[in-house]
Amino acid sequence: MTERTLAVVSAGLSQPSSSRLLAERLAAAVAAASPEVRVLPVIEVRDHAHDVVNNLLTGFAPQPLAEVLRTIAGADGLVAVTPTFNTSYSGLFKSFFDVFEEGSLHDKPVLLGATGGTARHSLALDYALRPMFAYLRAAPVATSVFAAPEDWATGGAGTALAARMSRAGRELAEEMLRRAPATVLDPFELTTTFDQLLAGD
């Protein structure tokens, strides 16, 4: 049995935040769907906000951010949750994914989640988040999850939200297990020997 790792990203701005809560619930649903899934510590984008801006300005990721990006690139699956502002993902969430190297999320299964003040923002998952991850060549699962304030009124247990989280968790676990374990190539690793270089091969 080969272990699969799950990265979890929350772009909530407050502490505690409903986005973090949803991210944790979604990760738990994935883990419950398969004993082979190991959930990595939740990545709070707000903790790396200054590094994200520095990366956008300089083109280089400070060490803490670089480690986070490597963790996500090396994970077998990803849960990504954002609050919604003006009917779309947050600017911090978008900026965070803007600093990933091209191809680092290629074919990575992703479970998309969002929170907002009203259920009317739920369409942002399909017309904002899903196209963004499609552009990044990731592989979002069919079910995405939106949570409005009323969804938390009963703790999210025994509700339509809980059922949707469970279904989305199963879908992500299945996609993670269907693929070979993720590998991250070292950009500085030599792919040819010095003999081959000297021979002009």
N, C-alpha and C. Protein backbone atom coordinates (compact mmCIF):
# COMPACT_ATOMS: atom_id res chain seq x y z
N MET A 1 0.86 -1.19 0.00
CA MET A 1 0.00 0.00 0.00
C MET A 1 0.89 1.24 0.00
N THR A 2 0.76 2.08 -1.03
CA THR A 2 1.57 3.28 -1.16
C THR A 2 0.84 4.48 -0.60
N GLU A 3 1.48 5.16 0.33
CA GLU A 3 0.88 6.34 0.94
C GLU A 3 0.80 7.49 -0.05
N ARG A 4 -0.28 8.24 0.02
CA ARG A 4 -0.44 9.44 -0.78
C ARG A 4 -0.55 10.65 0.16
N THR A 5 0.05 11.75 -0.23
CA THR A 5 0.02 12.94 0.62
C THR A 5 -0.96 13.97 0.06
N LEU A 6 -1.63 14.66 0.97
CA LEU A 6 -2.63 15.66 0.61
C LEU A 6 -2.21 17.01 1.17
N ALA A 7 -1.99 17.98 0.29
CA ALA A 7 -1.72 19.36 0.72
C ALA A 7 -3.04 20.09 0.87
N VAL A 8 -3.09 20.99 1.85
CA VAL A 8 -4.32 21.72 2.14
C VAL A 8 -4.00 23.21 2.23
N VAL A 9 -4.69 24.01 1.42
CA VAL A 9 -4.44 25.46 1.37
C VAL A 9 -5.70 26.20 1.75
N SER A 10 -5.57 27.12 2.70
CA SER A 10 -6.68 27.99 3.08
C SER A 10 -6.26 29.44 2.89
N ALA A 11 -7.08 30.21 2.19
CA ALA A 11 -6.77 31.62 1.96
C ALA A 11 -7.62 32.53 2.84
N GLY A 12 -8.11 32.00 3.94
CA GLY A 12 -8.88 32.83 4.86
C GLY A 12 -8.03 33.96 5.42
N LEU A 13 -8.66 35.10 5.67
CA LEU A 13 -7.91 36.27 6.14
C LEU A 13 -7.97 36.46 7.64
N SER A 14 -8.96 35.90 8.29
CA SER A 14 -9.10 36.07 9.73
C SER A 14 -8.67 34.79 10.45
N GLN A 15 -8.52 34.90 11.76
CA GLN A 15 -8.22 33.74 12.59
C GLN A 15 -9.13 33.74 13.80
N PRO A 16 -9.98 32.73 13.96
CA PRO A 16 -10.21 31.62 13.01
C PRO A 16 -11.02 32.11 11.81
N SER A 17 -11.04 31.29 10.77
CA SER A 17 -11.79 31.66 9.57
C SER A 17 -12.64 30.49 9.11
N SER A 18 -13.74 30.80 8.46
CA SER A 18 -14.60 29.74 7.93
C SER A 18 -13.90 29.01 6.79
N SER A 19 -12.99 29.69 6.09
CA SER A 19 -12.26 29.03 5.01
C SER A 19 -11.34 27.95 5.58
N ARG A 20 -10.67 28.25 6.69
CA ARG A 20 -9.82 27.25 7.35
C ARG A 20 -10.67 26.08 7.84
N LEU A 21 -11.82 26.37 8.41
CA LEU A 21 -12.71 25.32 8.89
C LEU A 21 -13.14 24.42 7.74
N LEU A 22 -13.53 25.02 6.62
CA LEU A 22 -13.95 24.22 5.48
C LEU A 22 -12.78 23.39 4.94
N ALA A 23 -11.60 23.98 4.88
CA ALA A 23 -10.42 23.25 4.40
C ALA A 23 -10.14 22.02 5.27
N GLU A 24 -10.24 22.19 6.57
CA GLU A 24 -9.99 21.08 7.49
C GLU A 24 -11.05 20.00 7.34
N ARG A 25 -12.32 20.40 7.17
CA ARG A 25 -13.40 19.42 7.00
C ARG A 25 -13.22 18.65 5.68
N LEU A 26 -12.84 19.35 4.64
CA LEU A 26 -12.64 18.68 3.35
C LEU A 26 -11.47 17.70 3.42
N ALA A 27 -10.38 18.12 4.07
CA ALA A 27 -9.23 17.23 4.22
C ALA A 27 -9.62 15.98 5.02
N ALA A 28 -10.42 16.17 6.06
CA ALA A 28 -10.87 15.03 6.86
C ALA A 28 -11.73 14.09 6.03
N ALA A 29 -12.52 14.64 5.13
CA ALA A 29 -13.38 13.81 4.27
C ALA A 29 -12.53 12.98 3.31
N VAL A 30 -11.44 13.57 2.81
CA VAL A 30 -10.54 12.82 1.92
C VAL A 30 -9.86 11.70 2.69
N ALA A 31 -9.36 12.01 3.88
CA ALA A 31 -8.69 11.00 4.70
C ALA A 31 -9.64 9.88 5.09
N ALA A 32 -10.91 10.23 5.36
CA ALA A 32 -11.90 9.22 5.73
C ALA A 32 -12.21 8.29 4.57
N ALA A 33 -12.01 8.77 3.36
CA ALA A 33 -12.32 7.97 2.17
C ALA A 33 -11.25 6.94 1.87
N SER A 34 -10.04 7.15 2.39
CA SER A 34 -8.96 6.20 2.12
C SER A 34 -7.91 6.24 3.22
N PRO A 35 -7.55 5.08 3.78
CA PRO A 35 -6.49 5.05 4.79
C PRO A 35 -5.10 5.32 4.21
N GLU A 36 -4.99 5.33 2.90
CA GLU A 36 -3.69 5.57 2.26
C GLU A 36 -3.34 7.05 2.16
N VAL A 37 -4.30 7.93 2.50
CA VAL A 37 -4.07 9.37 2.38
C VAL A 37 -3.55 9.93 3.70
N ARG A 38 -2.42 10.62 3.62
CA ARG A 38 -1.86 11.33 4.78
C ARG A 38 -2.01 12.82 4.55
N VAL A 39 -2.73 13.48 5.46
CA VAL A 39 -2.99 14.92 5.33
C VAL A 39 -1.82 15.71 5.90
N LEU A 40 -1.26 16.60 5.10
CA LEU A 40 -0.18 17.47 5.55
C LEU A 40 -0.76 18.65 6.32
N PRO A 41 0.05 19.33 7.14
CA PRO A 41 -0.45 20.50 7.89
C PRO A 41 -1.05 21.55 6.95
N VAL A 42 -2.12 22.18 7.42
CA VAL A 42 -2.80 23.19 6.61
C VAL A 42 -1.87 24.38 6.35
N ILE A 43 -1.83 24.83 5.12
CA ILE A 43 -1.05 26.00 4.73
C ILE A 43 -1.97 27.21 4.73
N GLU A 44 -1.70 28.15 5.61
CA GLU A 44 -2.47 29.41 5.66
C GLU A 44 -1.77 30.42 4.76
N VAL A 45 -2.42 30.80 3.69
CA VAL A 45 -1.80 31.73 2.74
C VAL A 45 -1.49 33.07 3.41
N ARG A 46 -2.32 33.49 4.36
CA ARG A 46 -2.09 34.78 5.04
C ARG A 46 -0.73 34.83 5.71
N ASP A 47 -0.21 33.68 6.15
CA ASP A 47 1.09 33.64 6.80
C ASP A 47 2.23 33.90 5.83
N HIS A 48 1.95 33.78 4.53
CA HIS A 48 2.98 33.96 3.51
C HIS A 48 2.68 35.15 2.60
N ALA A 49 1.77 36.02 3.03
CA ALA A 49 1.32 37.12 2.17
C ALA A 49 2.48 38.03 1.74
N HIS A 50 3.34 38.42 2.67
CA HIS A 50 4.45 39.31 2.31
C HIS A 50 5.42 38.62 1.36
N ASP A 51 5.67 37.31 1.60
CA ASP A 51 6.57 36.58 0.72
C ASP A 51 5.99 36.44 -0.69
N VAL A 52 4.67 36.29 -0.77
CA VAL A 52 4.03 36.20 -2.08
C VAL A 52 4.24 37.51 -2.86
N VAL A 53 4.04 38.64 -2.18
CA VAL A 53 4.24 39.93 -2.83
C VAL A 53 5.70 40.10 -3.25
N ASN A 54 6.63 39.72 -2.36
CA ASN A 54 8.05 39.83 -2.71
C ASN A 54 8.39 38.97 -3.92
N ASN A 55 7.79 37.78 -3.97
CA ASN A 55 8.02 36.88 -5.11
C ASN A 55 7.50 37.51 -6.40
N LEU A 56 6.33 38.13 -6.34
CA LEU A 56 5.76 38.77 -7.53
C LEU A 56 6.63 39.94 -7.99
N LEU A 57 7.25 40.65 -7.04
CA LEU A 57 8.05 41.82 -7.39
C LEU A 57 9.44 41.46 -7.87
N THR A 58 10.03 40.41 -7.30
CA THR A 58 11.42 40.08 -7.60
C THR A 58 11.58 38.86 -8.49
N GLY A 59 10.56 38.00 -8.53
CA GLY A 59 10.67 36.77 -9.30
C GLY A 59 11.32 35.65 -8.52
N PHE A 60 11.63 35.89 -7.24
CA PHE A 60 12.26 34.86 -6.41
C PHE A 60 11.45 34.65 -5.14
N ALA A 61 11.25 33.38 -4.79
CA ALA A 61 10.48 33.05 -3.59
C ALA A 61 11.39 33.01 -2.37
N PRO A 62 11.08 33.76 -1.31
CA PRO A 62 11.83 33.62 -0.06
C PRO A 62 11.73 32.18 0.44
N GLN A 63 12.68 31.76 1.25
CA GLN A 63 12.78 30.35 1.64
C GLN A 63 11.50 29.76 2.22
N PRO A 64 10.81 30.43 3.16
CA PRO A 64 9.58 29.84 3.70
C PRO A 64 8.53 29.58 2.61
N LEU A 65 8.39 30.52 1.69
CA LEU A 65 7.41 30.34 0.60
C LEU A 65 7.88 29.25 -0.34
N ALA A 66 9.17 29.21 -0.64
CA ALA A 66 9.71 28.18 -1.54
C ALA A 66 9.43 26.79 -0.99
N GLU A 67 9.55 26.62 0.31
CA GLU A 67 9.28 25.32 0.93
C GLU A 67 7.81 24.94 0.80
N VAL A 68 6.93 25.93 0.97
CA VAL A 68 5.49 25.69 0.82
C VAL A 68 5.16 25.29 -0.61
N LEU A 69 5.74 25.98 -1.58
CA LEU A 69 5.48 25.66 -2.98
C LEU A 69 5.97 24.26 -3.32
N ARG A 70 7.13 23.87 -2.78
CA ARG A 70 7.64 22.52 -3.01
C ARG A 70 6.73 21.47 -2.38
N THR A 71 6.22 21.78 -1.20
CA THR A 71 5.32 20.84 -0.51
C THR A 71 4.09 20.57 -1.35
N ILE A 72 3.50 21.63 -1.89
CA ILE A 72 2.29 21.48 -2.70
C ILE A 72 2.60 20.76 -4.01
N ALA A 73 3.70 21.14 -4.65
CA ALA A 73 4.07 20.50 -5.92
C ALA A 73 4.35 19.02 -5.72
N GLY A 74 4.87 18.65 -4.56
CA GLY A 74 5.20 17.25 -4.31
C GLY A 74 4.07 16.42 -3.74
N ALA A 75 2.94 17.05 -3.42
CA ALA A 75 1.80 16.32 -2.87
C ALA A 75 1.04 15.60 -3.98
N ASP A 76 0.33 14.55 -3.61
CA ASP A 76 -0.44 13.78 -4.59
C ASP A 76 -1.81 14.38 -4.85
N GLY A 77 -2.25 15.25 -3.97
CA GLY A 77 -3.55 15.90 -4.14
C GLY A 77 -3.57 17.21 -3.39
N LEU A 78 -4.57 18.04 -3.68
CA LEU A 78 -4.64 19.37 -3.08
C LEU A 78 -6.09 19.74 -2.77
N VAL A 79 -6.28 20.26 -1.57
CA VAL A 79 -7.54 20.92 -1.20
C VAL A 79 -7.25 22.41 -1.19
N ALA A 80 -7.99 23.20 -1.95
CA ALA A 80 -7.76 24.64 -2.05
C ALA A 80 -9.06 25.39 -1.75
N VAL A 81 -9.02 26.21 -0.71
CA VAL A 81 -10.24 26.92 -0.27
C VAL A 81 -9.97 28.42 -0.18
N THR A 82 -10.89 29.20 -0.73
CA THR A 82 -10.77 30.66 -0.70
C THR A 82 -12.07 31.28 -0.22
N PRO A 83 -11.98 32.43 0.47
CA PRO A 83 -13.20 33.22 0.66
C PRO A 83 -13.56 33.89 -0.65
N THR A 84 -14.80 34.26 -0.82
CA THR A 84 -15.22 34.96 -2.04
C THR A 84 -15.41 36.44 -1.75
N PHE A 85 -14.85 37.27 -2.64
CA PHE A 85 -15.02 38.71 -2.57
C PHE A 85 -15.43 39.19 -3.95
N ASN A 86 -16.48 40.01 -4.00
CA ASN A 86 -16.96 40.52 -5.29
C ASN A 86 -17.21 39.38 -6.27
N THR A 87 -17.81 38.32 -5.77
CA THR A 87 -18.23 37.14 -6.54
C THR A 87 -17.07 36.38 -7.18
N SER A 88 -15.86 36.47 -6.60
CA SER A 88 -14.74 35.71 -7.14
C SER A 88 -13.80 35.32 -5.99
N TYR A 89 -12.71 34.65 -6.33
CA TYR A 89 -11.72 34.28 -5.33
C TYR A 89 -11.03 35.53 -4.81
N SER A 90 -10.38 35.40 -3.66
CA SER A 90 -9.68 36.55 -3.09
C SER A 90 -8.41 36.86 -3.88
N GLY A 91 -7.98 38.11 -3.83
CA GLY A 91 -6.75 38.50 -4.52
C GLY A 91 -5.55 37.77 -3.96
N LEU A 92 -5.52 37.51 -2.66
CA LEU A 92 -4.40 36.80 -2.05
C LEU A 92 -4.33 35.37 -2.55
N PHE A 93 -5.48 34.73 -2.68
CA PHE A 93 -5.54 33.36 -3.19
C PHE A 93 -4.99 33.31 -4.62
N LYS A 94 -5.42 34.23 -5.47
CA LYS A 94 -4.96 34.28 -6.85
C LYS A 94 -3.46 34.56 -6.92
N SER A 95 -2.99 35.51 -6.13
CA SER A 95 -1.57 35.85 -6.14
C SER A 95 -0.71 34.67 -5.70
N PHE A 96 -1.20 33.92 -4.73
CA PHE A 96 -0.46 32.75 -4.24
C PHE A 96 -0.26 31.74 -5.37
N PHE A 97 -1.29 31.47 -6.11
CA PHE A 97 -1.16 30.49 -7.19
C PHE A 97 -0.46 31.08 -8.41
N ASP A 98 -0.36 32.40 -8.48
CA ASP A 98 0.38 33.03 -9.57
C ASP A 98 1.89 32.77 -9.46
N VAL A 99 2.39 32.49 -8.27
CA VAL A 99 3.85 32.35 -8.10
C VAL A 99 4.32 30.91 -8.31
N PHE A 100 3.43 29.98 -8.58
CA PHE A 100 3.86 28.61 -8.86
C PHE A 100 4.56 28.56 -10.22
N GLU A 101 5.60 27.74 -10.29
CA GLU A 101 6.28 27.55 -11.57
C GLU A 101 5.35 26.85 -12.54
N GLU A 102 5.46 27.19 -13.80
CA GLU A 102 4.61 26.58 -14.83
C GLU A 102 4.77 25.06 -14.81
N GLY A 103 3.64 24.38 -14.81
CA GLY A 103 3.65 22.92 -14.86
C GLY A 103 3.72 22.24 -13.51
N SER A 104 3.91 23.00 -12.43
CA SER A 104 4.07 22.35 -11.12
C SER A 104 2.78 21.76 -10.59
N LEU A 105 1.63 22.17 -11.13
CA LEU A 105 0.35 21.59 -10.71
C LEU A 105 -0.26 20.72 -11.81
N HIS A 106 0.53 20.40 -12.82
CA HIS A 106 0.04 19.64 -13.96
C HIS A 106 -0.56 18.30 -13.52
N ASP A 107 -1.81 18.06 -13.88
CA ASP A 107 -2.55 16.83 -13.63
C ASP A 107 -2.68 16.51 -12.14
N LYS A 108 -2.51 17.49 -11.27
CA LYS A 108 -2.68 17.25 -9.84
C LYS A 108 -4.15 17.32 -9.48
N PRO A 109 -4.71 16.28 -8.86
CA PRO A 109 -6.12 16.32 -8.46
C PRO A 109 -6.34 17.40 -7.40
N VAL A 110 -7.40 18.19 -7.59
CA VAL A 110 -7.67 19.31 -6.69
C VAL A 110 -9.14 19.30 -6.30
N LEU A 111 -9.39 19.50 -5.01
CA LEU A 111 -10.75 19.68 -4.51
C LEU A 111 -10.91 21.16 -4.23
N LEU A 112 -11.84 21.81 -4.91
CA LEU A 112 -12.04 23.25 -4.78
C LEU A 112 -13.12 23.56 -3.75
N GLY A 113 -12.83 24.53 -2.89
CA GLY A 113 -13.80 24.95 -1.89
C GLY A 113 -13.82 26.46 -1.77
N ALA A 114 -14.95 27.00 -1.32
CA ALA A 114 -15.06 28.45 -1.14
C ALA A 114 -16.07 28.74 -0.04
N THR A 115 -15.90 29.89 0.58
CA THR A 115 -16.83 30.36 1.59
C THR A 115 -17.29 31.76 1.22
N GLY A 116 -18.44 32.15 1.75
CA GLY A 116 -18.94 33.49 1.44
C GLY A 116 -20.12 33.84 2.32
N GLY A 117 -20.49 35.11 2.27
CA GLY A 117 -21.57 35.59 3.12
C GLY A 117 -22.95 35.17 2.68
N THR A 118 -23.07 34.71 1.44
CA THR A 118 -24.36 34.27 0.93
C THR A 118 -24.17 33.16 -0.08
N ALA A 119 -25.12 32.26 -0.13
CA ALA A 119 -25.03 31.12 -1.05
C ALA A 119 -25.04 31.57 -2.50
N ARG A 120 -25.44 32.82 -2.76
CA ARG A 120 -25.47 33.31 -4.14
C ARG A 120 -24.07 33.39 -4.75
N HIS A 121 -23.04 33.40 -3.90
CA HIS A 121 -21.66 33.43 -4.40
C HIS A 121 -21.14 32.05 -4.80
N SER A 122 -21.94 31.02 -4.61
CA SER A 122 -21.46 29.66 -4.86
C SER A 122 -21.07 29.43 -6.32
N LEU A 123 -21.66 30.18 -7.23
CA LEU A 123 -21.33 30.00 -8.64
C LEU A 123 -19.88 30.39 -8.96
N ALA A 124 -19.25 31.12 -8.05
CA ALA A 124 -17.85 31.50 -8.27
C ALA A 124 -16.95 30.28 -8.40
N LEU A 125 -17.34 29.18 -7.81
CA LEU A 125 -16.55 27.96 -7.93
C LEU A 125 -16.44 27.52 -9.39
N ASP A 126 -17.54 27.65 -10.11
CA ASP A 126 -17.56 27.16 -11.49
C ASP A 126 -17.08 28.19 -12.50
N TYR A 127 -17.35 29.48 -12.27
CA TYR A 127 -16.94 30.44 -13.30
C TYR A 127 -15.65 31.18 -12.97
N ALA A 128 -15.09 30.96 -11.77
CA ALA A 128 -13.82 31.62 -11.42
C ALA A 128 -12.75 30.60 -11.06
N LEU A 129 -12.99 29.78 -10.02
CA LEU A 129 -11.95 28.85 -9.57
C LEU A 129 -11.67 27.74 -10.57
N ARG A 130 -12.70 27.13 -11.07
CA ARG A 130 -12.47 25.99 -11.97
C ARG A 130 -11.70 26.40 -13.23
N PRO A 131 -12.05 27.51 -13.88
CA PRO A 131 -11.24 27.92 -15.04
C PRO A 131 -9.79 28.24 -14.68
N MET A 132 -9.57 28.82 -13.49
CA MET A 132 -8.21 29.14 -13.10
C MET A 132 -7.36 27.88 -12.96
N PHE A 133 -7.90 26.86 -12.32
CA PHE A 133 -7.13 25.63 -12.14
C PHE A 133 -7.03 24.84 -13.44
N ALA A 134 -7.99 25.00 -14.31
CA ALA A 134 -7.87 24.39 -15.63
C ALA A 134 -6.72 25.03 -16.39
N TYR A 135 -6.57 26.34 -16.27
CA TYR A 135 -5.47 27.04 -16.92
C TYR A 135 -4.12 26.57 -16.36
N LEU A 136 -4.09 26.27 -15.06
CA LEU A 136 -2.86 25.78 -14.43
C LEU A 136 -2.63 24.31 -14.75
N ARG A 137 -3.54 23.72 -15.53
CA ARG A 137 -3.45 22.32 -15.98
C ARG A 137 -3.55 21.33 -14.82
N ALA A 138 -4.22 21.76 -13.75
CA ALA A 138 -4.53 20.86 -12.66
C ALA A 138 -5.76 20.05 -13.05
N ALA A 139 -6.20 19.16 -12.15
CA ALA A 139 -7.33 18.29 -12.47
C ALA A 139 -8.38 18.38 -11.35
N PRO A 140 -9.20 19.45 -11.36
CA PRO A 140 -10.24 19.58 -10.33
C PRO A 140 -11.25 18.43 -10.41
N VAL A 141 -11.64 17.91 -9.25
CA VAL A 141 -12.64 16.84 -9.23
C VAL A 141 -14.01 17.44 -9.54
N ALA A 142 -14.96 16.57 -9.84
CA ALA A 142 -16.27 17.03 -10.31
C ALA A 142 -17.03 17.83 -9.26
N THR A 143 -16.92 17.43 -7.99
CA THR A 143 -17.68 18.09 -6.93
C THR A 143 -16.84 19.14 -6.24
N SER A 144 -17.34 20.37 -6.20
CA SER A 144 -16.72 21.42 -5.42
C SER A 144 -17.68 21.79 -4.28
N VAL A 145 -17.15 22.48 -3.27
CA VAL A 145 -17.95 22.71 -2.06
C VAL A 145 -17.93 24.18 -1.67
N PHE A 146 -19.13 24.74 -1.53
CA PHE A 146 -19.28 26.11 -1.06
C PHE A 146 -19.99 26.09 0.29
N ALA A 147 -19.53 26.91 1.21
CA ALA A 147 -20.16 26.98 2.53
C ALA A 147 -20.54 28.41 2.85
N ALA A 148 -21.83 28.63 3.10
CA ALA A 148 -22.35 29.93 3.51
C ALA A 148 -22.56 29.89 5.03
N PRO A 149 -22.78 31.04 5.66
CA PRO A 149 -22.94 31.06 7.12
C PRO A 149 -24.01 30.09 7.64
N GLU A 150 -25.12 29.98 6.91
CA GLU A 150 -26.19 29.10 7.38
C GLU A 150 -25.78 27.63 7.37
N ASP A 151 -24.78 27.29 6.56
CA ASP A 151 -24.32 25.90 6.53
C ASP A 151 -23.63 25.49 7.82
N TRP A 152 -23.06 26.47 8.54
CA TRP A 152 -22.36 26.17 9.78
C TRP A 152 -23.29 26.24 10.99
N ALA A 153 -24.54 26.67 10.78
CA ALA A 153 -25.46 26.85 11.90
C ALA A 153 -25.66 25.58 12.69
N THR A 154 -25.62 24.43 12.01
CA THR A 154 -25.79 23.15 12.70
C THR A 154 -24.47 22.39 12.76
N GLY A 155 -23.37 23.12 12.63
CA GLY A 155 -22.07 22.48 12.71
C GLY A 155 -21.67 21.76 11.45
N GLY A 156 -22.48 21.84 10.42
CA GLY A 156 -22.15 21.16 9.18
C GLY A 156 -22.32 19.65 9.26
N ALA A 157 -22.95 19.16 10.32
CA ALA A 157 -23.11 17.72 10.50
C ALA A 157 -24.54 17.31 10.14
N GLY A 158 -24.66 16.24 9.35
CA GLY A 158 -25.97 15.74 8.99
C GLY A 158 -26.71 16.65 8.04
N THR A 159 -25.99 17.47 7.31
CA THR A 159 -26.62 18.44 6.41
C THR A 159 -26.21 18.15 4.98
N ALA A 160 -26.79 18.93 4.06
CA ALA A 160 -26.41 18.79 2.66
C ALA A 160 -24.93 19.12 2.47
N LEU A 161 -24.42 20.05 3.29
CA LEU A 161 -22.99 20.39 3.21
C LEU A 161 -22.13 19.19 3.56
N ALA A 162 -22.48 18.49 4.62
CA ALA A 162 -21.71 17.33 5.03
C ALA A 162 -21.72 16.26 3.95
N ALA A 163 -22.87 16.06 3.32
CA ALA A 163 -22.97 15.05 2.26
C ALA A 163 -22.12 15.45 1.06
N ARG A 164 -22.12 16.74 0.75
CA ARG A 164 -21.32 17.21 -0.39
C ARG A 164 -19.82 17.08 -0.09
N MET A 165 -19.42 17.39 1.14
CA MET A 165 -18.02 17.25 1.53
C MET A 165 -17.58 15.79 1.43
N SER A 166 -18.45 14.89 1.88
CA SER A 166 -18.13 13.46 1.82
C SER A 166 -17.96 12.99 0.39
N ARG A 167 -18.86 13.41 -0.50
CA ARG A 167 -18.76 13.01 -1.90
C ARG A 167 -17.50 13.58 -2.55
N ALA A 168 -17.21 14.85 -2.28
CA ALA A 168 -16.02 15.47 -2.85
C ALA A 168 -14.76 14.79 -2.32
N GLY A 169 -14.76 14.43 -1.03
CA GLY A 169 -13.61 13.75 -0.45
C GLY A 169 -13.35 12.40 -1.10
N ARG A 170 -14.41 11.66 -1.37
CA ARG A 170 -14.25 10.35 -2.05
C ARG A 170 -13.69 10.56 -3.46
N GLU A 171 -14.21 11.56 -4.16
CA GLU A 171 -13.74 11.80 -5.53
C GLU A 171 -12.25 12.13 -5.55
N LEU A 172 -11.80 12.98 -4.62
CA LEU A 172 -10.39 13.35 -4.61
C LEU A 172 -9.52 12.16 -4.23
N ALA A 173 -9.93 11.39 -3.23
CA ALA A 173 -9.15 10.22 -2.83
C ALA A 173 -9.02 9.24 -3.99
N GLU A 174 -10.09 9.02 -4.72
CA GLU A 174 -10.05 8.10 -5.86
C GLU A 174 -9.07 8.59 -6.93
N GLU A 175 -9.09 9.90 -7.21
CA GLU A 175 -8.19 10.44 -8.22
C GLU A 175 -6.74 10.38 -7.77
N MET A 176 -6.49 10.60 -6.49
CA MET A 176 -5.13 10.51 -5.96
C MET A 176 -4.58 9.09 -6.07
N LEU A 177 -5.41 8.11 -5.75
CA LEU A 177 -4.97 6.71 -5.77
C LEU A 177 -4.86 6.18 -7.19
N ARG A 178 -5.59 6.78 -8.11
CA ARG A 178 -5.58 6.31 -9.50
C ARG A 178 -4.28 6.67 -10.20
N ARG A 179 -3.61 7.71 -9.70
CA ARG A 179 -2.38 8.18 -10.31
C ARG A 179 -1.15 7.61 -9.60
N ALA A 180 -0.02 7.60 -10.30
CA ALA A 180 1.24 7.23 -9.67
C ALA A 180 1.61 8.30 -8.65
N PRO A 181 2.36 7.94 -7.60
CA PRO A 181 2.78 8.94 -6.61
C PRO A 181 3.49 10.12 -7.28
N ALA A 182 3.24 11.31 -6.76
CA ALA A 182 3.81 12.52 -7.34
C ALA A 182 5.32 12.55 -7.14
N THR A 183 6.02 13.09 -8.11
CA THR A 183 7.46 13.30 -8.02
C THR A 183 7.76 14.73 -8.43
N VAL A 184 8.76 15.31 -7.80
CA VAL A 184 9.18 16.67 -8.12
C VAL A 184 10.61 16.60 -8.62
N LEU A 185 10.84 17.08 -9.83
CA LEU A 185 12.17 17.06 -10.41
C LEU A 185 13.02 18.18 -9.83
N ASP A 186 14.27 17.88 -9.53
CA ASP A 186 15.22 18.87 -9.06
C ASP A 186 15.76 19.62 -10.28
N PRO A 187 15.51 20.92 -10.38
CA PRO A 187 15.96 21.66 -11.57
C PRO A 187 17.48 21.69 -11.71
N PHE A 188 18.20 21.41 -10.62
CA PHE A 188 19.67 21.44 -10.65
C PHE A 188 20.28 20.06 -10.79
N GLU A 189 19.43 19.03 -10.87
CA GLU A 189 19.95 17.67 -10.99
C GLU A 189 20.48 17.45 -12.41
N LEU A 190 21.69 16.87 -12.49
CA LEU A 190 22.28 16.59 -13.80
C LEU A 190 21.56 15.42 -14.45
N THR A 191 21.17 15.61 -15.70
CA THR A 191 20.48 14.54 -16.42
C THR A 191 21.41 13.80 -17.37
N THR A 192 22.62 14.33 -17.51
CA THR A 192 23.63 13.66 -18.34
C THR A 192 24.94 13.59 -17.57
N THR A 193 25.78 12.63 -17.89
CA THR A 193 27.08 12.50 -17.24
C THR A 193 28.08 13.43 -17.94
N PHE A 194 29.20 13.66 -17.26
CA PHE A 194 30.24 14.50 -17.87
C PHE A 194 30.83 13.82 -19.10
N ASP A 195 30.88 12.48 -19.10
CA ASP A 195 31.36 11.76 -20.28
C ASP A 195 30.48 12.07 -21.49
N GLN A 196 29.16 12.09 -21.27
CA GLN A 196 28.25 12.39 -22.35
C GLN A 196 28.39 13.83 -22.82
N LEU A 197 28.61 14.75 -21.88
CA LEU A 197 28.80 16.14 -22.26
C LEU A 197 30.06 16.33 -23.09
N LEU A 198 31.15 15.66 -22.66
CA LEU A 198 32.41 15.80 -23.39
C LEU A 198 32.36 15.13 -24.75
N ALA A 199 31.52 14.08 -24.83
CA ALA A 199 31.41 13.37 -26.10
C ALA A 199 30.50 14.09 -27.08
N GLY A 200 29.80 15.10 -26.57
CA GLY A 200 28.90 15.86 -27.46
C GLY A 200 27.60 15.16 -27.72
N ASP A 201 27.19 14.16 -26.87
CA ASP A 201 25.92 13.46 -27.07
C ASP A 201 24.77 14.34 -26.66
